[in-house]
Amino acid sequence: MVILLGVLAAISLPSLLGQIAKARQAEARAALGLINRAQQGYRYEKGTFATLSELALEAATISLTFYAISEVETPAPNAFGAAYRANALAPFDDDIKNYAGAAGQTAAGAYTGIVCEDETPLEDNVSTSNSAGVLACVNGVKIN
């Protein structure tokens, strides 16, 4: 009986650890999605995209449990878009993936948003590109 329980535990432990990582990563996905939606509203009202402090969002002003949200400083938020990153905090930085997000508006007036994730937890190079409001992932995978 004890051997059977040991075998079952050995089989299920990797699956459990994978599910824990996915749950932690959901924090970054939700925060970047929230920021994308807030950016679109801000752009509609003000005519330009905002810095995180200008958004005055809870997600922009508090530190999250597993991630730190930061702005991508170059280029600064403008009429075509804004970009930000969610970097895993220590001691989770080798266990969960980093994310990047951006919001934009095309010349035709369509609002766009993107969230990208690193391919593995050991990478730290995910980012976004913005070509006149058309967003894409750089060194990462688009997840929305």
N, C-alpha and C. Protein backbone atom coordinates (compact mmCIF):
# COMPACT_ATOMS: atom_id res chain seq x y z
N MET A 1 0.82 -1.19 0.00
CA MET A 1 0.00 0.00 0.00
C MET A 1 0.86 1.26 0.00
N VAL A 2 1.91 1.27 0.83
CA VAL A 2 2.80 2.42 0.91
C VAL A 2 3.53 2.62 -0.42
N ILE A 3 3.93 1.52 -1.04
CA ILE A 3 4.63 1.59 -2.32
C ILE A 3 3.70 2.18 -3.38
N LEU A 4 2.45 1.75 -3.37
CA LEU A 4 1.47 2.26 -4.32
C LEU A 4 1.29 3.77 -4.15
N LEU A 5 1.18 4.23 -2.92
CA LEU A 5 1.05 5.67 -2.67
C LEU A 5 2.29 6.42 -3.13
N GLY A 6 3.46 5.86 -2.92
CA GLY A 6 4.70 6.49 -3.38
C GLY A 6 4.76 6.61 -4.89
N VAL A 7 4.33 5.58 -5.58
CA VAL A 7 4.31 5.61 -7.05
C VAL A 7 3.31 6.65 -7.55
N LEU A 8 2.13 6.68 -6.94
CA LEU A 8 1.13 7.67 -7.34
C LEU A 8 1.62 9.10 -7.09
N ALA A 9 2.29 9.31 -5.97
CA ALA A 9 2.82 10.64 -5.67
C ALA A 9 3.90 11.03 -6.67
N ALA A 10 4.77 10.10 -7.03
CA ALA A 10 5.84 10.38 -7.99
C ALA A 10 5.28 10.71 -9.37
N ILE A 11 4.17 10.09 -9.71
CA ILE A 11 3.55 10.34 -11.02
C ILE A 11 2.84 11.69 -11.02
N SER A 12 2.17 12.04 -9.95
CA SER A 12 1.34 13.25 -9.93
C SER A 12 2.10 14.52 -9.56
N LEU A 13 3.25 14.42 -8.93
CA LEU A 13 3.98 15.61 -8.49
C LEU A 13 4.36 16.54 -9.63
N PRO A 14 4.92 16.07 -10.75
CA PRO A 14 5.24 17.00 -11.85
C PRO A 14 4.01 17.72 -12.39
N SER A 15 2.90 17.02 -12.46
CA SER A 15 1.66 17.65 -12.92
C SER A 15 1.21 18.73 -11.95
N LEU A 16 1.31 18.46 -10.67
CA LEU A 16 0.93 19.44 -9.65
C LEU A 16 1.81 20.69 -9.75
N LEU A 17 3.11 20.51 -9.89
CA LEU A 17 4.02 21.65 -9.99
C LEU A 17 3.74 22.48 -11.24
N GLY A 18 3.39 21.83 -12.33
CA GLY A 18 3.03 22.55 -13.55
C GLY A 18 1.77 23.37 -13.37
N GLN A 19 0.80 22.83 -12.65
CA GLN A 19 -0.43 23.56 -12.40
C GLN A 19 -0.19 24.76 -11.48
N ILE A 20 0.71 24.63 -10.53
CA ILE A 20 1.05 25.75 -9.65
C ILE A 20 1.67 26.87 -10.46
N ALA A 21 2.58 26.54 -11.37
CA ALA A 21 3.21 27.57 -12.22
C ALA A 21 2.16 28.27 -13.08
N LYS A 22 1.24 27.52 -13.66
CA LYS A 22 0.19 28.13 -14.48
C LYS A 22 -0.68 29.07 -13.66
N ALA A 23 -0.99 28.70 -12.44
CA ALA A 23 -1.79 29.56 -11.58
C ALA A 23 -1.05 30.85 -11.25
N ARG A 24 0.24 30.77 -10.99
CA ARG A 24 1.03 31.97 -10.71
C ARG A 24 1.12 32.86 -11.94
N GLN A 25 1.26 32.26 -13.11
CA GLN A 25 1.37 33.03 -14.35
C GLN A 25 0.06 33.73 -14.68
N ALA A 26 -1.06 33.21 -14.21
CA ALA A 26 -2.35 33.85 -14.45
C ALA A 26 -2.38 35.26 -13.87
N GLU A 27 -1.62 35.50 -12.81
CA GLU A 27 -1.55 36.84 -12.21
C GLU A 27 -1.04 37.86 -13.23
N ALA A 28 0.03 37.53 -13.94
CA ALA A 28 0.60 38.44 -14.93
C ALA A 28 -0.35 38.63 -16.11
N ARG A 29 -0.94 37.55 -16.57
CA ARG A 29 -1.87 37.65 -17.70
C ARG A 29 -3.05 38.55 -17.36
N ALA A 30 -3.60 38.38 -16.18
CA ALA A 30 -4.75 39.19 -15.77
C ALA A 30 -4.36 40.66 -15.63
N ALA A 31 -3.20 40.93 -15.02
CA ALA A 31 -2.76 42.31 -14.83
C ALA A 31 -2.50 43.00 -16.17
N LEU A 32 -1.84 42.32 -17.10
CA LEU A 32 -1.57 42.93 -18.40
C LEU A 32 -2.85 43.13 -19.20
N GLY A 33 -3.79 42.21 -19.09
CA GLY A 33 -5.08 42.38 -19.75
C GLY A 33 -5.84 43.57 -19.19
N LEU A 34 -5.80 43.74 -17.88
CA LEU A 34 -6.44 44.89 -17.23
C LEU A 34 -5.82 46.19 -17.71
N ILE A 35 -4.50 46.23 -17.79
CA ILE A 35 -3.81 47.44 -18.24
C ILE A 35 -4.16 47.73 -19.70
N ASN A 36 -4.21 46.71 -20.54
CA ASN A 36 -4.59 46.91 -21.95
C ASN A 36 -5.96 47.57 -22.07
N ARG A 37 -6.93 47.07 -21.32
CA ARG A 37 -8.28 47.63 -21.40
C ARG A 37 -8.32 49.06 -20.85
N ALA A 38 -7.59 49.32 -19.78
CA ALA A 38 -7.55 50.67 -19.23
C ALA A 38 -6.86 51.64 -20.20
N GLN A 39 -5.83 51.16 -20.89
CA GLN A 39 -5.13 52.00 -21.87
C GLN A 39 -6.08 52.41 -22.99
N GLN A 40 -6.90 51.50 -23.43
CA GLN A 40 -7.83 51.83 -24.51
C GLN A 40 -8.82 52.91 -24.08
N GLY A 41 -9.33 52.81 -22.86
CA GLY A 41 -10.23 53.84 -22.35
C GLY A 41 -9.53 55.18 -22.20
N TYR A 42 -8.31 55.16 -21.70
CA TYR A 42 -7.54 56.39 -21.53
C TYR A 42 -7.28 57.04 -22.89
N ARG A 43 -6.91 56.24 -23.89
CA ARG A 43 -6.64 56.77 -25.23
C ARG A 43 -7.89 57.39 -25.83
N TYR A 44 -9.02 56.77 -25.60
CA TYR A 44 -10.29 57.30 -26.11
C TYR A 44 -10.60 58.66 -25.51
N GLU A 45 -10.34 58.81 -24.21
CA GLU A 45 -10.65 60.07 -23.53
C GLU A 45 -9.61 61.16 -23.73
N LYS A 46 -8.32 60.80 -23.75
CA LYS A 46 -7.25 61.80 -23.72
C LYS A 46 -6.52 61.98 -25.06
N GLY A 47 -6.69 61.06 -26.00
CA GLY A 47 -6.02 61.19 -27.29
C GLY A 47 -4.60 60.65 -27.33
N THR A 48 -4.13 60.08 -26.23
CA THR A 48 -2.81 59.46 -26.18
C THR A 48 -2.85 58.33 -25.17
N PHE A 49 -1.88 57.44 -25.26
CA PHE A 49 -1.80 56.37 -24.27
C PHE A 49 -1.06 56.87 -23.03
N ALA A 50 -1.22 56.18 -21.92
CA ALA A 50 -0.77 56.66 -20.62
C ALA A 50 0.43 55.89 -20.09
N THR A 51 1.12 56.52 -19.15
CA THR A 51 2.08 55.79 -18.33
C THR A 51 1.28 55.01 -17.30
N LEU A 52 1.90 54.07 -16.65
CA LEU A 52 1.18 53.29 -15.64
C LEU A 52 0.68 54.17 -14.50
N SER A 53 1.47 55.15 -14.09
CA SER A 53 1.03 56.03 -13.00
C SER A 53 -0.14 56.90 -13.42
N GLU A 54 -0.23 57.27 -14.69
CA GLU A 54 -1.36 58.06 -15.17
C GLU A 54 -2.65 57.25 -15.21
N LEU A 55 -2.54 55.95 -15.35
CA LEU A 55 -3.74 55.12 -15.39
C LEU A 55 -4.42 55.04 -14.03
N ALA A 56 -3.63 55.18 -12.96
CA ALA A 56 -4.16 55.12 -11.60
C ALA A 56 -4.93 53.83 -11.35
N LEU A 57 -4.37 52.74 -11.79
CA LEU A 57 -4.98 51.43 -11.59
C LEU A 57 -4.40 50.75 -10.37
N GLU A 58 -5.18 49.94 -9.75
CA GLU A 58 -4.66 49.14 -8.65
C GLU A 58 -3.49 48.27 -9.12
N ALA A 59 -3.61 47.68 -10.31
CA ALA A 59 -2.55 46.82 -10.83
C ALA A 59 -1.28 47.61 -11.14
N ALA A 60 -1.42 48.91 -11.39
CA ALA A 60 -0.26 49.72 -11.73
C ALA A 60 0.42 50.30 -10.50
N THR A 61 -0.26 50.32 -9.36
CA THR A 61 0.29 50.99 -8.19
C THR A 61 0.66 50.06 -7.05
N ILE A 62 0.28 48.81 -7.10
CA ILE A 62 0.65 47.88 -6.04
C ILE A 62 1.59 46.82 -6.60
N SER A 63 2.35 46.22 -5.73
CA SER A 63 3.19 45.12 -6.19
C SER A 63 2.38 43.84 -6.10
N LEU A 64 2.47 43.04 -7.13
CA LEU A 64 1.75 41.78 -7.18
C LEU A 64 2.55 40.73 -6.42
N THR A 65 1.97 39.58 -6.19
CA THR A 65 2.63 38.54 -5.41
C THR A 65 3.80 37.90 -6.13
N PHE A 66 3.64 37.61 -7.41
CA PHE A 66 4.65 36.86 -8.14
C PHE A 66 5.36 37.67 -9.23
N TYR A 67 4.86 38.86 -9.54
CA TYR A 67 5.38 39.66 -10.65
C TYR A 67 5.54 41.12 -10.27
N ALA A 68 6.44 41.78 -10.99
CA ALA A 68 6.59 43.23 -10.93
C ALA A 68 6.23 43.77 -12.31
N ILE A 69 5.31 44.72 -12.35
CA ILE A 69 4.90 45.34 -13.61
C ILE A 69 5.74 46.60 -13.81
N SER A 70 6.29 46.77 -15.00
CA SER A 70 7.07 47.97 -15.30
C SER A 70 6.79 48.42 -16.72
N GLU A 71 7.04 49.70 -16.95
CA GLU A 71 6.85 50.26 -18.29
C GLU A 71 8.09 50.01 -19.14
N VAL A 72 7.88 49.89 -20.42
CA VAL A 72 8.98 49.90 -21.37
C VAL A 72 9.20 51.37 -21.70
N GLU A 73 10.36 51.88 -21.36
CA GLU A 73 10.59 53.32 -21.46
C GLU A 73 10.82 53.80 -22.89
N THR A 74 11.30 52.94 -23.77
CA THR A 74 11.54 53.36 -25.15
C THR A 74 10.75 52.48 -26.08
N PRO A 75 9.82 52.99 -26.82
CA PRO A 75 9.40 54.38 -26.83
C PRO A 75 8.43 54.66 -25.68
N ALA A 76 8.35 55.91 -25.30
CA ALA A 76 7.41 56.33 -24.26
C ALA A 76 5.98 56.21 -24.81
N PRO A 77 4.99 56.08 -23.92
CA PRO A 77 3.61 56.04 -24.41
C PRO A 77 3.31 57.26 -25.28
N ASN A 78 2.60 57.01 -26.39
CA ASN A 78 2.27 58.09 -27.32
C ASN A 78 0.91 57.81 -27.94
N ALA A 79 0.56 58.50 -29.01
CA ALA A 79 -0.75 58.33 -29.63
C ALA A 79 -0.93 56.97 -30.28
N PHE A 80 0.19 56.27 -30.59
CA PHE A 80 0.09 54.97 -31.25
C PHE A 80 0.12 53.80 -30.29
N GLY A 81 0.62 54.00 -29.05
CA GLY A 81 0.63 52.86 -28.14
C GLY A 81 1.49 53.04 -26.91
N ALA A 82 1.45 52.02 -26.07
CA ALA A 82 2.25 51.95 -24.85
C ALA A 82 2.57 50.48 -24.60
N ALA A 83 3.73 50.24 -23.98
CA ALA A 83 4.17 48.86 -23.73
C ALA A 83 4.65 48.71 -22.30
N TYR A 84 4.55 47.49 -21.76
CA TYR A 84 4.91 47.21 -20.38
C TYR A 84 5.31 45.75 -20.26
N ARG A 85 5.96 45.43 -19.15
CA ARG A 85 6.44 44.06 -18.89
C ARG A 85 5.98 43.58 -17.53
N ALA A 86 5.86 42.28 -17.40
CA ALA A 86 5.61 41.63 -16.11
C ALA A 86 6.76 40.65 -15.90
N ASN A 87 7.67 41.01 -15.02
CA ASN A 87 8.83 40.17 -14.73
C ASN A 87 8.62 39.40 -13.44
N ALA A 88 8.91 38.12 -13.47
CA ALA A 88 8.76 37.27 -12.29
C ALA A 88 9.72 37.72 -11.20
N LEU A 89 9.21 37.77 -9.98
CA LEU A 89 10.02 38.14 -8.83
C LEU A 89 10.79 36.93 -8.31
N ALA A 90 11.93 37.18 -7.69
CA ALA A 90 12.66 36.11 -7.00
C ALA A 90 11.82 35.68 -5.81
N PRO A 91 11.73 34.46 -5.46
CA PRO A 91 12.45 33.28 -5.93
C PRO A 91 11.74 32.53 -7.05
N PHE A 92 10.76 33.16 -7.71
CA PHE A 92 9.96 32.47 -8.73
C PHE A 92 10.51 32.66 -10.14
N ASP A 93 11.56 33.46 -10.31
CA ASP A 93 11.99 33.86 -11.65
C ASP A 93 12.50 32.71 -12.52
N ASP A 94 12.88 31.59 -11.93
CA ASP A 94 13.28 30.44 -12.74
C ASP A 94 12.16 29.41 -12.86
N ASP A 95 11.01 29.70 -12.26
CA ASP A 95 9.90 28.75 -12.26
C ASP A 95 8.71 29.19 -13.10
N ILE A 96 8.55 30.50 -13.28
CA ILE A 96 7.41 31.01 -14.04
C ILE A 96 7.90 31.94 -15.15
N LYS A 97 7.09 32.07 -16.18
CA LYS A 97 7.47 32.82 -17.38
C LYS A 97 7.27 34.32 -17.19
N ASN A 98 8.07 35.10 -17.93
CA ASN A 98 7.90 36.55 -17.98
C ASN A 98 6.95 36.90 -19.11
N TYR A 99 6.33 38.08 -19.01
CA TYR A 99 5.33 38.50 -19.98
C TYR A 99 5.59 39.93 -20.42
N ALA A 100 5.06 40.27 -21.59
CA ALA A 100 5.08 41.64 -22.09
C ALA A 100 3.69 41.93 -22.64
N GLY A 101 3.28 43.17 -22.53
CA GLY A 101 1.98 43.57 -23.05
C GLY A 101 2.07 44.92 -23.70
N ALA A 102 1.12 45.20 -24.57
CA ALA A 102 1.07 46.51 -25.23
C ALA A 102 -0.36 46.79 -25.66
N ALA A 103 -0.66 48.07 -25.75
CA ALA A 103 -1.92 48.53 -26.30
C ALA A 103 -1.58 49.51 -27.41
N GLY A 104 -2.39 49.52 -28.46
CA GLY A 104 -2.11 50.42 -29.57
C GLY A 104 -3.38 50.82 -30.28
N GLN A 105 -3.22 51.76 -31.20
CA GLN A 105 -4.32 52.17 -32.06
C GLN A 105 -3.77 52.35 -33.47
N THR A 106 -4.40 51.70 -34.43
CA THR A 106 -3.95 51.78 -35.81
C THR A 106 -4.37 53.11 -36.43
N ALA A 107 -3.82 53.41 -37.60
CA ALA A 107 -4.19 54.64 -38.32
C ALA A 107 -5.67 54.64 -38.68
N ALA A 108 -6.25 53.47 -38.84
CA ALA A 108 -7.68 53.36 -39.15
C ALA A 108 -8.56 53.56 -37.92
N GLY A 109 -7.94 53.66 -36.73
CA GLY A 109 -8.69 53.91 -35.51
C GLY A 109 -9.02 52.68 -34.69
N ALA A 110 -8.59 51.51 -35.12
CA ALA A 110 -8.87 50.28 -34.38
C ALA A 110 -7.94 50.16 -33.18
N TYR A 111 -8.52 49.87 -32.02
CA TYR A 111 -7.72 49.63 -30.82
C TYR A 111 -7.20 48.19 -30.85
N THR A 112 -5.96 48.03 -30.44
CA THR A 112 -5.35 46.70 -30.41
C THR A 112 -4.70 46.48 -29.05
N GLY A 113 -4.63 45.25 -28.65
CA GLY A 113 -3.95 44.88 -27.41
C GLY A 113 -3.29 43.53 -27.61
N ILE A 114 -2.18 43.33 -26.92
CA ILE A 114 -1.45 42.07 -27.06
C ILE A 114 -0.81 41.72 -25.73
N VAL A 115 -0.75 40.43 -25.44
CA VAL A 115 0.01 39.90 -24.30
C VAL A 115 0.88 38.77 -24.85
N CYS A 116 2.16 38.82 -24.53
CA CYS A 116 3.13 37.84 -25.02
C CYS A 116 3.83 37.20 -23.83
N GLU A 117 4.21 35.93 -23.96
CA GLU A 117 4.93 35.26 -22.90
C GLU A 117 6.23 34.67 -23.42
N ASP A 118 7.24 34.61 -22.55
CA ASP A 118 8.48 33.93 -22.89
C ASP A 118 8.17 32.47 -23.15
N GLU A 119 9.00 31.83 -23.97
CA GLU A 119 8.76 30.43 -24.29
C GLU A 119 9.08 29.50 -23.13
N THR A 120 10.04 29.87 -22.28
CA THR A 120 10.38 29.07 -21.10
C THR A 120 10.61 30.01 -19.92
N PRO A 121 10.51 29.50 -18.69
CA PRO A 121 10.77 30.34 -17.52
C PRO A 121 12.20 30.86 -17.44
N LEU A 122 13.14 30.21 -18.10
CA LEU A 122 14.54 30.61 -18.01
C LEU A 122 14.89 31.76 -18.96
N GLU A 123 13.99 32.11 -19.87
CA GLU A 123 14.23 33.22 -20.78
C GLU A 123 13.78 34.53 -20.15
N ASP A 124 14.40 35.61 -20.58
CA ASP A 124 14.03 36.93 -20.06
C ASP A 124 14.13 37.96 -21.18
N ASN A 125 13.55 37.64 -22.34
CA ASN A 125 13.70 38.55 -23.46
C ASN A 125 12.42 38.82 -24.22
N VAL A 126 11.28 38.53 -23.65
CA VAL A 126 10.02 38.77 -24.33
C VAL A 126 9.76 40.28 -24.39
N SER A 127 9.26 40.73 -25.53
CA SER A 127 8.89 42.14 -25.68
C SER A 127 7.85 42.25 -26.78
N THR A 128 7.39 43.46 -27.02
CA THR A 128 6.41 43.71 -28.07
C THR A 128 6.98 44.72 -29.05
N SER A 129 6.42 44.72 -30.25
CA SER A 129 6.75 45.76 -31.22
C SER A 129 5.47 46.46 -31.63
N ASN A 130 5.61 47.72 -32.01
CA ASN A 130 4.46 48.52 -32.39
C ASN A 130 4.82 49.29 -33.66
N SER A 131 4.17 48.93 -34.74
CA SER A 131 4.38 49.63 -36.01
C SER A 131 3.08 50.35 -36.36
N ALA A 132 3.01 51.63 -35.97
CA ALA A 132 1.82 52.45 -36.21
C ALA A 132 0.55 51.80 -35.68
N GLY A 133 0.65 51.25 -34.48
CA GLY A 133 -0.51 50.65 -33.82
C GLY A 133 -0.71 49.18 -34.09
N VAL A 134 0.06 48.60 -35.00
CA VAL A 134 -0.02 47.16 -35.27
C VAL A 134 0.99 46.47 -34.35
N LEU A 135 0.49 45.66 -33.43
CA LEU A 135 1.31 45.06 -32.38
C LEU A 135 1.75 43.65 -32.73
N ALA A 136 2.94 43.28 -32.25
CA ALA A 136 3.45 41.92 -32.46
C ALA A 136 4.34 41.54 -31.29
N CYS A 137 4.54 40.23 -31.11
CA CYS A 137 5.45 39.72 -30.09
C CYS A 137 6.85 39.61 -30.66
N VAL A 138 7.84 39.93 -29.83
CA VAL A 138 9.24 39.78 -30.19
C VAL A 138 9.85 38.83 -29.17
N ASN A 139 10.47 37.76 -29.64
CA ASN A 139 11.10 36.76 -28.76
C ASN A 139 10.12 36.16 -27.76
N GLY A 140 8.92 35.95 -28.18
CA GLY A 140 7.93 35.36 -27.30
C GLY A 140 6.75 34.83 -28.11
N VAL A 141 5.75 34.36 -27.40
CA VAL A 141 4.57 33.76 -28.02
C VAL A 141 3.35 34.60 -27.66
N LYS A 142 2.54 34.94 -28.66
CA LYS A 142 1.31 35.68 -28.43
C LYS A 142 0.30 34.76 -27.75
N ILE A 143 -0.31 35.24 -26.66
CA ILE A 143 -1.27 34.38 -25.95
C ILE A 143 -2.69 34.92 -26.00
N ASN A 144 -2.90 36.08 -26.58
CA ASN A 144 -4.28 36.56 -26.71
C ASN A 144 -4.53 37.16 -28.05
